[in-house]
Amino acid sequence: MPFSDKQMFEAIESNIDVKECFTKISEACKELQSKTGCPVDDVDRFLEFTIGKWDNLR
């Protein structure tokens, strides 16, 4: 069963490591959108694409 949004935000707020990673990802998305001018939907799609692929970038 997947986590609800509420559960995810609770995990983000209660765990410093999770919160720091969430912040880094959020900042990277804002930077990508700012530097490329692409629509927010494209940034979302980019994140969807990278799911499961991030570990292959060694």
PDB file of N, CA and C in Angstrom:
ATOM      1  N   MET A   1       0.845  -1.176   0.000  1.00  0.00           N
ATOM      2  CA  MET A   1       0.000   0.000   0.000  1.00  0.00           C
ATOM      3  C   MET A   1       0.893   1.242   0.000  1.00  0.00           C
ATOM      4  N   PRO A   2       0.679   2.146  -0.937  1.00  0.00           N
ATOM      5  CA  PRO A   2       1.514   3.353  -1.014  1.00  0.00           C
ATOM      6  C   PRO A   2       1.240   4.308   0.152  1.00  0.00           C
ATOM      7  N   PHE A   3       2.222   5.140   0.416  1.00  0.00           N
ATOM      8  CA  PHE A   3       2.075   6.156   1.449  1.00  0.00           C
ATOM      9  C   PHE A   3       1.154   7.266   0.949  1.00  0.00           C
ATOM     10  N   SER A   4       0.373   7.809   1.864  1.00  0.00           N
ATOM     11  CA  SER A   4      -0.459   8.969   1.527  1.00  0.00           C
ATOM     12  C   SER A   4       0.431  10.219   1.536  1.00  0.00           C
ATOM     13  N   ASP A   5      -0.057  11.297   0.950  1.00  0.00           N
ATOM     14  CA  ASP A   5       0.678  12.565   0.985  1.00  0.00           C
ATOM     15  C   ASP A   5       0.938  12.987   2.431  1.00  0.00           C
ATOM     16  N   LYS A   6      -0.057  12.807   3.290  1.00  0.00           N
ATOM     17  CA  LYS A   6       0.090  13.179   4.694  1.00  0.00           C
ATOM     18  C   LYS A   6       1.227  12.390   5.344  1.00  0.00           C
ATOM     19  N   GLN A   7       1.290  11.104   5.074  1.00  0.00           N
ATOM     20  CA  GLN A   7       2.356  10.273   5.643  1.00  0.00           C
ATOM     21  C   GLN A   7       3.729  10.691   5.117  1.00  0.00           C
ATOM     22  N   MET A   8       3.787  11.033   3.843  1.00  0.00           N
ATOM     23  CA  MET A   8       5.062  11.465   3.263  1.00  0.00           C
ATOM     24  C   MET A   8       5.529  12.770   3.904  1.00  0.00           C
ATOM     25  N   PHE A   9       4.624  13.732   4.043  1.00  0.00           N
ATOM     26  CA  PHE A   9       4.995  15.001   4.666  1.00  0.00           C
ATOM     27  C   PHE A   9       5.376  14.818   6.135  1.00  0.00           C
ATOM     28  N   GLU A  10       4.719  13.895   6.817  1.00  0.00           N
ATOM     29  CA  GLU A  10       5.103  13.602   8.204  1.00  0.00           C
ATOM     30  C   GLU A  10       6.516  13.029   8.259  1.00  0.00           C
ATOM     31  N   ALA A  11       6.849  12.150   7.319  1.00  0.00           N
ATOM     32  CA  ALA A  11       8.198  11.574   7.265  1.00  0.00           C
ATOM     33  C   ALA A  11       9.226  12.655   6.960  1.00  0.00           C
ATOM     34  N   ILE A  12       8.888  13.549   6.057  1.00  0.00           N
ATOM     35  CA  ILE A  12       9.793  14.646   5.703  1.00  0.00           C
ATOM     36  C   ILE A  12      10.056  15.524   6.920  1.00  0.00           C
ATOM     37  N   GLU A  13       9.027  15.837   7.647  1.00  0.00           N
ATOM     38  CA  GLU A  13       9.173  16.722   8.797  1.00  0.00           C
ATOM     39  C   GLU A  13       9.847  16.051   9.992  1.00  0.00           C
ATOM     40  N   SER A  14       9.714  14.753  10.118  1.00  0.00           N
ATOM     41  CA  SER A  14      10.215  14.083  11.316  1.00  0.00           C
ATOM     42  C   SER A  14      11.615  13.484  11.156  1.00  0.00           C
ATOM     43  N   ASN A  15      12.142  13.461   9.930  1.00  0.00           N
ATOM     44  CA  ASN A  15      13.451  12.845   9.696  1.00  0.00           C
ATOM     45  C   ASN A  15      14.338  13.838   8.961  1.00  0.00           C
ATOM     46  N   ILE A  16      15.408  14.284   9.600  1.00  0.00           N
ATOM     47  CA  ILE A  16      16.273  15.318   9.026  1.00  0.00           C
ATOM     48  C   ILE A  16      16.888  14.877   7.706  1.00  0.00           C
ATOM     49  N   ASP A  17      17.273  13.601   7.589  1.00  0.00           N
ATOM     50  CA  ASP A  17      17.873  13.115   6.342  1.00  0.00           C
ATOM     51  C   ASP A  17      16.868  13.161   5.191  1.00  0.00           C
ATOM     52  N   VAL A  18      15.660  12.734   5.477  1.00  0.00           N
ATOM     53  CA  VAL A  18      14.602  12.766   4.454  1.00  0.00           C
ATOM     54  C   VAL A  18      14.296  14.209   4.082  1.00  0.00           C
ATOM     55  N   LYS A  19      14.232  15.077   5.078  1.00  0.00           N
ATOM     56  CA  LYS A  19      13.934  16.494   4.828  1.00  0.00           C
ATOM     57  C   LYS A  19      15.024  17.140   3.967  1.00  0.00           C
ATOM     58  N   GLU A  20      16.299  16.844   4.264  1.00  0.00           N
ATOM     59  CA  GLU A  20      17.397  17.404   3.478  1.00  0.00           C
ATOM     60  C   GLU A  20      17.344  16.925   2.029  1.00  0.00           C
ATOM     61  N   CYS A  21      17.038  15.655   1.816  1.00  0.00           N
ATOM     62  CA  CYS A  21      16.930  15.137   0.449  1.00  0.00           C
ATOM     63  C   CYS A  21      15.748  15.764  -0.289  1.00  0.00           C
ATOM     64  N   PHE A  22      14.632  15.896   0.400  1.00  0.00           N
ATOM     65  CA  PHE A  22      13.462  16.534  -0.196  1.00  0.00           C
ATOM     66  C   PHE A  22      13.792  17.962  -0.612  1.00  0.00           C
ATOM     67  N   THR A  23      14.502  18.675   0.251  1.00  0.00           N
ATOM     68  CA  THR A  23      14.891  20.052  -0.040  1.00  0.00           C
ATOM     69  C   THR A  23      15.819  20.107  -1.247  1.00  0.00           C
ATOM     70  N   LYS A  24      16.786  19.212  -1.322  1.00  0.00           N
ATOM     71  CA  LYS A  24      17.711  19.180  -2.458  1.00  0.00           C
ATOM     72  C   LYS A  24      16.966  18.912  -3.766  1.00  0.00           C
ATOM     73  N   ILE A  25      16.047  17.960  -3.736  1.00  0.00           N
ATOM     74  CA  ILE A  25      15.274  17.636  -4.938  1.00  0.00           C
ATOM     75  C   ILE A  25      14.414  18.829  -5.344  1.00  0.00           C
ATOM     76  N   SER A  26      13.766  19.462  -4.368  1.00  0.00           N
ATOM     77  CA  SER A  26      12.929  20.629  -4.659  1.00  0.00           C
ATOM     78  C   SER A  26      13.752  21.766  -5.251  1.00  0.00           C
ATOM     79  N   GLU A  27      14.921  22.020  -4.672  1.00  0.00           N
ATOM     80  CA  GLU A  27      15.788  23.081  -5.177  1.00  0.00           C
ATOM     81  C   GLU A  27      16.295  22.753  -6.589  1.00  0.00           C
ATOM     82  N   ALA A  28      16.623  21.490  -6.841  1.00  0.00           N
ATOM     83  CA  ALA A  28      17.082  21.093  -8.172  1.00  0.00           C
ATOM     84  C   ALA A  28      15.980  21.300  -9.209  1.00  0.00           C
ATOM     85  N   CYS A  29      14.750  20.989  -8.847  1.00  0.00           N
ATOM     86  CA  CYS A  29      13.628  21.187  -9.774  1.00  0.00           C
ATOM     87  C   CYS A  29      13.417  22.669 -10.070  1.00  0.00           C
ATOM     88  N   LYS A  30      13.494  23.496  -9.041  1.00  0.00           N
ATOM     89  CA  LYS A  30      13.339  24.939  -9.239  1.00  0.00           C
ATOM     90  C   LYS A  30      14.467  25.487 -10.112  1.00  0.00           C
ATOM     91  N   GLU A  31      15.693  25.000  -9.887  1.00  0.00           N
ATOM     92  CA  GLU A  31      16.829  25.445 -10.694  1.00  0.00           C
ATOM     93  C   GLU A  31      16.669  25.007 -12.150  1.00  0.00           C
ATOM     94  N   LEU A  32      16.247  23.771 -12.363  1.00  0.00           N
ATOM     95  CA  LEU A  32      16.028  23.277 -13.724  1.00  0.00           C
ATOM     96  C   LEU A  32      14.990  24.120 -14.444  1.00  0.00           C
ATOM     97  N   GLN A  33      13.896  24.406 -13.775  1.00  0.00           N
ATOM     98  CA  GLN A  33      12.837  25.204 -14.386  1.00  0.00           C
ATOM     99  C   GLN A  33      13.319  26.619 -14.659  1.00  0.00           C
ATOM    100  N   SER A  34      14.055  27.183 -13.735  1.00  0.00           N
ATOM    101  CA  SER A  34      14.557  28.550 -13.881  1.00  0.00           C
ATOM    102  C   SER A  34      15.564  28.672 -15.017  1.00  0.00           C
ATOM    103  N   LYS A  35      16.484  27.723 -15.094  1.00  0.00           N
ATOM    104  CA  LYS A  35      17.542  27.801 -16.107  1.00  0.00           C
ATOM    105  C   LYS A  35      17.074  27.425 -17.503  1.00  0.00           C
ATOM    106  N   THR A  36      16.069  26.555 -17.597  1.00  0.00           N
ATOM    107  CA  THR A  36      15.618  26.115 -18.915  1.00  0.00           C
ATOM    108  C   THR A  36      14.355  26.832 -19.374  1.00  0.00           C
ATOM    109  N   GLY A  37      13.598  27.370 -18.420  1.00  0.00           N
ATOM    110  CA  GLY A  37      12.344  28.018 -18.772  1.00  0.00           C
ATOM    111  C   GLY A  37      11.256  27.032 -19.151  1.00  0.00           C
ATOM    112  N   CYS A  38      11.498  25.751 -18.920  1.00  0.00           N
ATOM    113  CA  CYS A  38      10.496  24.752 -19.297  1.00  0.00           C
ATOM    114  C   CYS A  38       9.305  24.830 -18.345  1.00  0.00           C
ATOM    115  N   PRO A  39       8.150  24.409 -18.804  1.00  0.00           N
ATOM    116  CA  PRO A  39       6.964  24.434 -17.964  1.00  0.00           C
ATOM    117  C   PRO A  39       7.121  23.502 -16.754  1.00  0.00           C
ATOM    118  N   VAL A  40       6.414  23.803 -15.697  1.00  0.00           N
ATOM    119  CA  VAL A  40       6.440  22.988 -14.488  1.00  0.00           C
ATOM    120  C   VAL A  40       6.047  21.544 -14.799  1.00  0.00           C
ATOM    121  N   ASP A  41       5.106  21.376 -15.711  1.00  0.00           N
ATOM    122  CA  ASP A  41       4.698  20.014 -16.094  1.00  0.00           C
ATOM    123  C   ASP A  41       5.867  19.219 -16.676  1.00  0.00           C
ATOM    124  N   ASP A  42       6.756  19.884 -17.389  1.00  0.00           N
ATOM    125  CA  ASP A  42       7.923  19.198 -17.939  1.00  0.00           C
ATOM    126  C   ASP A  42       8.898  18.785 -16.838  1.00  0.00           C
ATOM    127  N   VAL A  43       9.033  19.608 -15.823  1.00  0.00           N
ATOM    128  CA  VAL A  43       9.877  19.240 -14.679  1.00  0.00           C
ATOM    129  C   VAL A  43       9.267  18.024 -13.980  1.00  0.00           C
ATOM    130  N   ASP A  44       7.960  18.027 -13.806  1.00  0.00           N
ATOM    131  CA  ASP A  44       7.285  16.872 -13.215  1.00  0.00           C
ATOM    132  C   ASP A  44       7.526  15.617 -14.052  1.00  0.00           C
ATOM    133  N   ARG A  45       7.405  15.748 -15.348  1.00  0.00           N
ATOM    134  CA  ARG A  45       7.611  14.602 -16.248  1.00  0.00           C
ATOM    135  C   ARG A  45       9.050  14.111 -16.165  1.00  0.00           C
ATOM    136  N   PHE A  46      10.018  15.041 -16.050  1.00  0.00           N
ATOM    137  CA  PHE A  46      11.416  14.676 -15.897  1.00  0.00           C
ATOM    138  C   PHE A  46      11.613  13.846 -14.620  1.00  0.00           C
ATOM    139  N   LEU A  47      10.977  14.275 -13.537  1.00  0.00           N
ATOM    140  CA  LEU A  47      11.070  13.512 -12.290  1.00  0.00           C
ATOM    141  C   LEU A  47      10.468  12.125 -12.455  1.00  0.00           C
ATOM    142  N   GLU A  48       9.326  12.038 -13.121  1.00  0.00           N
ATOM    143  CA  GLU A  48       8.713  10.730 -13.377  1.00  0.00           C
ATOM    144  C   GLU A  48       9.666   9.844 -14.168  1.00  0.00           C
ATOM    145  N   PHE A  49      10.338  10.425 -15.159  1.00  0.00           N
ATOM    146  CA  PHE A  49      11.279   9.674 -15.994  1.00  0.00           C
ATOM    147  C   PHE A  49      12.457   9.157 -15.174  1.00  0.00           C
ATOM    148  N   THR A  50      12.952   9.963 -14.236  1.00  0.00           N
ATOM    149  CA  THR A  50      14.150   9.582 -13.492  1.00  0.00           C
ATOM    150  C   THR A  50      13.882   8.545 -12.405  1.00  0.00           C
ATOM    151  N   ILE A  51      12.625   8.337 -12.053  1.00  0.00           N
ATOM    152  CA  ILE A  51      12.301   7.334 -11.036  1.00  0.00           C
ATOM    153  C   ILE A  51      12.827   5.981 -11.511  1.00  0.00           C
ATOM    154  N   GLY A  52      13.618   5.356 -10.665  1.00  0.00           N
ATOM    155  CA  GLY A  52      14.162   4.043 -10.984  1.00  0.00           C
ATOM    156  C   GLY A  52      15.416   4.076 -11.830  1.00  0.00           C
ATOM    157  N   LYS A  53      15.794   5.251 -12.315  1.00  0.00           N
ATOM    158  CA  LYS A  53      16.983   5.368 -13.145  1.00  0.00           C
ATOM    159  C   LYS A  53      18.136   6.036 -12.416  1.00  0.00           C
ATOM    160  N   TRP A  54      17.876   6.702 -11.313  1.00  0.00           N
ATOM    161  CA  TRP A  54      18.897   7.475 -10.597  1.00  0.00           C
ATOM    162  C   TRP A  54      20.059   6.597 -10.170  1.00  0.00           C
ATOM    163  N   ASP A  55      19.798   5.332  -9.864  1.00  0.00           N
ATOM    164  CA  ASP A  55      20.857   4.435  -9.379  1.00  0.00           C
ATOM    165  C   ASP A  55      21.762   3.944 -10.513  1.00  0.00           C
ATOM    166  N   ASN A  56      21.358   4.168 -11.738  1.00  0.00           N
ATOM    167  CA  ASN A  56      22.150   3.724 -12.894  1.00  0.00           C
ATOM    168  C   ASN A  56      23.212   4.738 -13.306  1.00  0.00           C
ATOM    169  N   LEU A  57      23.258   5.874 -12.661  1.00  0.00           N
ATOM    170  CA  LEU A  57      24.154   6.962 -13.053  1.00  0.00           C
ATOM    171  C   LEU A  57      25.451   6.946 -12.264  1.00  0.00           C
ATOM    172  N   ARG A  58      26.098   5.827 -12.203  1.00  0.00           N
ATOM    173  CA  ARG A  58      27.346   5.715 -11.452  1.00  0.00           C
ATOM    174  C   ARG A  58      28.528   5.947 -12.336  1.00  0.00           C
TER     175      ARG A  58
END
